Amino acid sequence: MIKHIVMWRLKERADGRDKRANALVIKERLESMRGKIPGMLSVEVGLDFSASGDSSDVVLYAKFESKKALEGYQAHPEHVAFKDFIKDVRFERRVVDYEI
């Protein structure tokens, strides 16, 4: 099994919305992929409430059956469209993929 964790820090304003509104759009779009991506076992999206200088604004925690399933997710049209959106609203991205 593969765990895929991504954290984003968002711009204060982007794509006609403020940071909080974009965080909600991110959450909705990622959670809408549930059941559509072959090999995606689970998806959880959290929004930060601490607003500290060290925190990220949004975190994705997803599980995949295999590395191949994670690669399929990266190329899936739903994810490609999401990447096109998020690149405009974020200024930092951190990711960790690991196998258990």
N, C-alpha and C. Protein backbone atom coordinates (compact mmCIF):
# COMPACT_ATOMS: atom_id res chain seq x y z
N MET A 1 0.84 -1.18 0.00
CA MET A 1 0.00 0.00 0.00
C MET A 1 0.89 1.24 0.00
N ILE A 2 0.42 2.26 -0.69
CA ILE A 2 1.14 3.53 -0.79
C ILE A 2 0.33 4.61 -0.06
N LYS A 3 1.03 5.40 0.73
CA LYS A 3 0.41 6.58 1.35
C LYS A 3 0.97 7.80 0.63
N HIS A 4 0.07 8.70 0.29
CA HIS A 4 0.39 9.91 -0.48
C HIS A 4 -0.10 11.10 0.35
N ILE A 5 0.85 11.91 0.81
CA ILE A 5 0.52 13.05 1.65
C ILE A 5 1.05 14.31 0.97
N VAL A 6 0.16 15.28 0.79
CA VAL A 6 0.53 16.54 0.16
C VAL A 6 0.02 17.68 1.03
N MET A 7 0.86 18.69 1.22
CA MET A 7 0.47 19.89 1.95
C MET A 7 0.72 21.11 1.08
N TRP A 8 -0.25 22.03 1.09
CA TRP A 8 -0.14 23.24 0.31
C TRP A 8 -0.28 24.47 1.20
N ARG A 9 0.47 25.50 0.85
CA ARG A 9 0.27 26.84 1.40
C ARG A 9 -0.31 27.66 0.26
N LEU A 10 -1.39 28.36 0.56
CA LEU A 10 -2.14 29.05 -0.48
C LEU A 10 -1.88 30.54 -0.48
N LYS A 11 -2.04 31.13 -1.68
CA LYS A 11 -1.97 32.58 -1.82
C LYS A 11 -3.16 33.21 -1.10
N GLU A 12 -3.00 34.43 -0.62
CA GLU A 12 -4.08 35.13 0.07
C GLU A 12 -5.29 35.34 -0.84
N ARG A 13 -5.03 35.63 -2.11
CA ARG A 13 -6.10 35.78 -3.12
C ARG A 13 -5.61 35.18 -4.42
N ALA A 14 -6.49 34.43 -5.06
CA ALA A 14 -6.15 33.85 -6.37
C ALA A 14 -7.43 33.35 -7.02
N ASP A 15 -7.46 33.41 -8.32
CA ASP A 15 -8.58 32.88 -9.10
C ASP A 15 -9.91 33.50 -8.67
N GLY A 16 -9.86 34.77 -8.23
CA GLY A 16 -11.07 35.48 -7.86
C GLY A 16 -11.63 35.14 -6.48
N ARG A 17 -10.86 34.39 -5.68
CA ARG A 17 -11.33 33.99 -4.36
C ARG A 17 -10.24 34.24 -3.32
N ASP A 18 -10.66 34.31 -2.05
CA ASP A 18 -9.68 34.41 -0.98
C ASP A 18 -9.17 33.01 -0.61
N LYS A 19 -8.18 32.98 0.26
CA LYS A 19 -7.52 31.72 0.64
C LYS A 19 -8.52 30.69 1.17
N ARG A 20 -9.39 31.09 2.06
CA ARG A 20 -10.36 30.15 2.65
C ARG A 20 -11.28 29.56 1.58
N ALA A 21 -11.77 30.39 0.69
CA ALA A 21 -12.65 29.90 -0.38
C ALA A 21 -11.91 28.92 -1.28
N ASN A 22 -10.66 29.22 -1.62
CA ASN A 22 -9.88 28.29 -2.44
C ASN A 22 -9.60 26.99 -1.70
N ALA A 23 -9.37 27.06 -0.39
CA ALA A 23 -9.17 25.84 0.40
C ALA A 23 -10.41 24.95 0.32
N LEU A 24 -11.58 25.55 0.39
CA LEU A 24 -12.82 24.78 0.30
C LEU A 24 -13.00 24.16 -1.09
N VAL A 25 -12.62 24.89 -2.13
CA VAL A 25 -12.68 24.35 -3.49
C VAL A 25 -11.73 23.16 -3.62
N ILE A 26 -10.53 23.29 -3.08
CA ILE A 26 -9.55 22.20 -3.12
C ILE A 26 -10.12 20.96 -2.44
N LYS A 27 -10.66 21.15 -1.25
CA LYS A 27 -11.24 20.03 -0.50
C LYS A 27 -12.34 19.35 -1.31
N GLU A 28 -13.23 20.13 -1.85
CA GLU A 28 -14.35 19.59 -2.63
C GLU A 28 -13.85 18.82 -3.85
N ARG A 29 -12.92 19.41 -4.57
CA ARG A 29 -12.43 18.77 -5.80
C ARG A 29 -11.69 17.47 -5.51
N LEU A 30 -10.85 17.47 -4.48
CA LEU A 30 -10.12 16.25 -4.14
C LEU A 30 -11.08 15.17 -3.65
N GLU A 31 -12.00 15.52 -2.78
CA GLU A 31 -12.94 14.53 -2.25
C GLU A 31 -13.88 14.00 -3.33
N SER A 32 -14.11 14.79 -4.37
CA SER A 32 -14.98 14.33 -5.46
C SER A 32 -14.32 13.23 -6.29
N MET A 33 -13.02 13.03 -6.12
CA MET A 33 -12.32 11.96 -6.84
C MET A 33 -12.56 10.60 -6.22
N ARG A 34 -13.09 10.57 -5.00
CA ARG A 34 -13.37 9.31 -4.31
C ARG A 34 -14.25 8.43 -5.19
N GLY A 35 -13.80 7.21 -5.42
CA GLY A 35 -14.56 6.26 -6.23
C GLY A 35 -14.35 6.40 -7.72
N LYS A 36 -13.61 7.40 -8.17
CA LYS A 36 -13.38 7.62 -9.60
C LYS A 36 -11.98 7.21 -10.04
N ILE A 37 -11.05 7.07 -9.11
CA ILE A 37 -9.66 6.79 -9.44
C ILE A 37 -9.37 5.32 -9.15
N PRO A 38 -9.08 4.53 -10.16
CA PRO A 38 -8.77 3.12 -9.92
C PRO A 38 -7.58 2.98 -8.95
N GLY A 39 -7.74 2.15 -7.96
CA GLY A 39 -6.65 1.88 -7.02
C GLY A 39 -6.55 2.87 -5.87
N MET A 40 -7.37 3.92 -5.86
CA MET A 40 -7.39 4.85 -4.73
C MET A 40 -8.28 4.23 -3.65
N LEU A 41 -7.69 3.92 -2.53
CA LEU A 41 -8.41 3.26 -1.45
C LEU A 41 -9.13 4.24 -0.54
N SER A 42 -8.53 5.40 -0.32
CA SER A 42 -9.16 6.40 0.53
C SER A 42 -8.58 7.77 0.22
N VAL A 43 -9.34 8.78 0.57
CA VAL A 43 -8.88 10.17 0.41
C VAL A 43 -9.46 10.98 1.56
N GLU A 44 -8.60 11.75 2.18
CA GLU A 44 -9.01 12.63 3.28
C GLU A 44 -8.34 13.97 3.06
N VAL A 45 -9.10 15.04 3.23
CA VAL A 45 -8.58 16.39 3.05
C VAL A 45 -8.87 17.19 4.31
N GLY A 46 -7.83 17.82 4.86
CA GLY A 46 -7.99 18.63 6.05
C GLY A 46 -7.61 20.07 5.79
N LEU A 47 -8.33 20.97 6.47
CA LEU A 47 -8.06 22.40 6.38
C LEU A 47 -7.51 22.85 7.72
N ASP A 48 -6.40 23.53 7.70
CA ASP A 48 -5.73 23.99 8.92
C ASP A 48 -6.56 25.04 9.65
N PHE A 49 -6.60 24.92 10.97
CA PHE A 49 -7.27 25.95 11.77
C PHE A 49 -6.29 26.73 12.65
N SER A 50 -5.03 26.29 12.70
CA SER A 50 -4.08 26.96 13.60
C SER A 50 -3.56 28.28 13.04
N ALA A 51 -3.45 28.37 11.73
CA ALA A 51 -2.97 29.59 11.06
C ALA A 51 -1.65 30.09 11.63
N SER A 52 -0.79 29.16 12.01
CA SER A 52 0.53 29.56 12.51
C SER A 52 1.46 29.81 11.33
N GLY A 53 2.57 30.44 11.60
CA GLY A 53 3.54 30.73 10.55
C GLY A 53 4.15 29.48 9.94
N ASP A 54 4.10 28.37 10.66
CA ASP A 54 4.70 27.12 10.17
C ASP A 54 3.69 26.17 9.54
N SER A 55 2.41 26.51 9.59
CA SER A 55 1.40 25.56 9.13
C SER A 55 1.14 25.69 7.63
N SER A 56 0.68 24.60 7.07
CA SER A 56 0.15 24.61 5.71
C SER A 56 -1.34 24.87 5.80
N ASP A 57 -1.96 25.22 4.69
CA ASP A 57 -3.38 25.54 4.69
C ASP A 57 -4.27 24.33 4.44
N VAL A 58 -3.77 23.41 3.59
CA VAL A 58 -4.55 22.24 3.20
C VAL A 58 -3.63 21.03 3.19
N VAL A 59 -4.17 19.88 3.62
CA VAL A 59 -3.42 18.64 3.55
C VAL A 59 -4.30 17.57 2.89
N LEU A 60 -3.66 16.78 2.04
CA LEU A 60 -4.28 15.62 1.41
C LEU A 60 -3.61 14.38 1.97
N TYR A 61 -4.41 13.42 2.41
CA TYR A 61 -3.92 12.13 2.86
C TYR A 61 -4.70 11.08 2.08
N ALA A 62 -4.01 10.37 1.20
CA ALA A 62 -4.66 9.37 0.36
C ALA A 62 -3.89 8.06 0.42
N LYS A 63 -4.63 6.97 0.24
CA LYS A 63 -4.02 5.64 0.19
C LYS A 63 -4.30 5.02 -1.18
N PHE A 64 -3.28 4.36 -1.71
CA PHE A 64 -3.38 3.71 -3.01
C PHE A 64 -2.94 2.25 -2.88
N GLU A 65 -3.49 1.42 -3.73
CA GLU A 65 -3.15 -0.01 -3.71
C GLU A 65 -1.68 -0.26 -3.98
N SER A 66 -1.09 0.56 -4.86
CA SER A 66 0.27 0.28 -5.33
C SER A 66 0.88 1.54 -5.92
N LYS A 67 2.17 1.46 -6.23
CA LYS A 67 2.83 2.57 -6.92
C LYS A 67 2.18 2.79 -8.28
N LYS A 68 1.80 1.71 -8.94
CA LYS A 68 1.16 1.82 -10.25
C LYS A 68 -0.17 2.58 -10.14
N ALA A 69 -0.93 2.34 -9.08
CA ALA A 69 -2.19 3.05 -8.87
C ALA A 69 -1.93 4.54 -8.63
N LEU A 70 -0.87 4.86 -7.87
CA LEU A 70 -0.51 6.27 -7.65
C LEU A 70 -0.12 6.92 -8.97
N GLU A 71 0.63 6.22 -9.80
CA GLU A 71 1.01 6.75 -11.11
C GLU A 71 -0.24 6.98 -11.97
N GLY A 72 -1.20 6.07 -11.89
CA GLY A 72 -2.45 6.23 -12.63
C GLY A 72 -3.23 7.45 -12.17
N TYR A 73 -3.21 7.70 -10.88
CA TYR A 73 -3.86 8.89 -10.31
C TYR A 73 -3.22 10.16 -10.86
N GLN A 74 -1.90 10.17 -10.92
CA GLN A 74 -1.19 11.35 -11.41
C GLN A 74 -1.59 11.69 -12.84
N ALA A 75 -1.89 10.69 -13.64
CA ALA A 75 -2.23 10.90 -15.05
C ALA A 75 -3.73 10.96 -15.30
N HIS A 76 -4.55 10.67 -14.30
CA HIS A 76 -6.00 10.64 -14.48
C HIS A 76 -6.52 12.04 -14.83
N PRO A 77 -7.46 12.14 -15.77
CA PRO A 77 -7.96 13.46 -16.20
C PRO A 77 -8.50 14.32 -15.05
N GLU A 78 -9.15 13.71 -14.05
CA GLU A 78 -9.65 14.48 -12.90
C GLU A 78 -8.48 15.13 -12.15
N HIS A 79 -7.39 14.38 -11.98
CA HIS A 79 -6.24 14.91 -11.26
C HIS A 79 -5.49 15.94 -12.09
N VAL A 80 -5.37 15.70 -13.37
CA VAL A 80 -4.70 16.66 -14.25
C VAL A 80 -5.43 18.01 -14.22
N ALA A 81 -6.76 17.98 -14.26
CA ALA A 81 -7.54 19.22 -14.19
C ALA A 81 -7.34 19.90 -12.84
N PHE A 82 -7.27 19.10 -11.77
CA PHE A 82 -7.04 19.65 -10.44
C PHE A 82 -5.67 20.34 -10.37
N LYS A 83 -4.64 19.70 -10.93
CA LYS A 83 -3.30 20.30 -10.92
C LYS A 83 -3.29 21.64 -11.65
N ASP A 84 -4.03 21.73 -12.75
CA ASP A 84 -4.11 22.99 -13.49
C ASP A 84 -4.71 24.09 -12.61
N PHE A 85 -5.69 23.73 -11.79
CA PHE A 85 -6.31 24.71 -10.89
C PHE A 85 -5.36 25.09 -9.75
N ILE A 86 -4.82 24.11 -9.07
CA ILE A 86 -4.09 24.39 -7.83
C ILE A 86 -2.77 25.14 -8.08
N LYS A 87 -2.17 24.95 -9.24
CA LYS A 87 -0.90 25.65 -9.49
C LYS A 87 -1.07 27.16 -9.45
N ASP A 88 -2.29 27.63 -9.70
CA ASP A 88 -2.54 29.07 -9.68
C ASP A 88 -2.90 29.62 -8.29
N VAL A 89 -3.29 28.75 -7.37
CA VAL A 89 -3.74 29.23 -6.06
C VAL A 89 -2.75 28.94 -4.93
N ARG A 90 -1.74 28.16 -5.20
CA ARG A 90 -0.77 27.83 -4.16
C ARG A 90 0.56 28.50 -4.42
N PHE A 91 1.33 28.69 -3.34
CA PHE A 91 2.69 29.18 -3.53
C PHE A 91 3.72 28.19 -3.00
N GLU A 92 3.25 27.15 -2.32
CA GLU A 92 4.18 26.12 -1.83
C GLU A 92 3.46 24.79 -1.77
N ARG A 93 4.21 23.74 -2.11
CA ARG A 93 3.67 22.37 -2.07
C ARG A 93 4.75 21.46 -1.50
N ARG A 94 4.36 20.59 -0.60
CA ARG A 94 5.24 19.57 -0.05
C ARG A 94 4.53 18.23 -0.22
N VAL A 95 5.30 17.20 -0.56
CA VAL A 95 4.70 15.88 -0.77
C VAL A 95 5.61 14.80 -0.18
N VAL A 96 4.95 13.76 0.33
CA VAL A 96 5.65 12.56 0.77
C VAL A 96 4.84 11.37 0.27
N ASP A 97 5.50 10.46 -0.45
CA ASP A 97 4.91 9.21 -0.87
C ASP A 97 5.74 8.09 -0.26
N TYR A 98 5.07 7.16 0.41
CA TYR A 98 5.82 6.05 0.99
C TYR A 98 4.99 4.78 0.96
N GLU A 99 5.70 3.67 1.03
CA GLU A 99 5.09 2.36 0.95
C GLU A 99 5.06 1.72 2.32
N ILE A 100 3.94 1.09 2.63
CA ILE A 100 3.87 0.35 3.90
C ILE A 100 3.55 -1.11 3.63
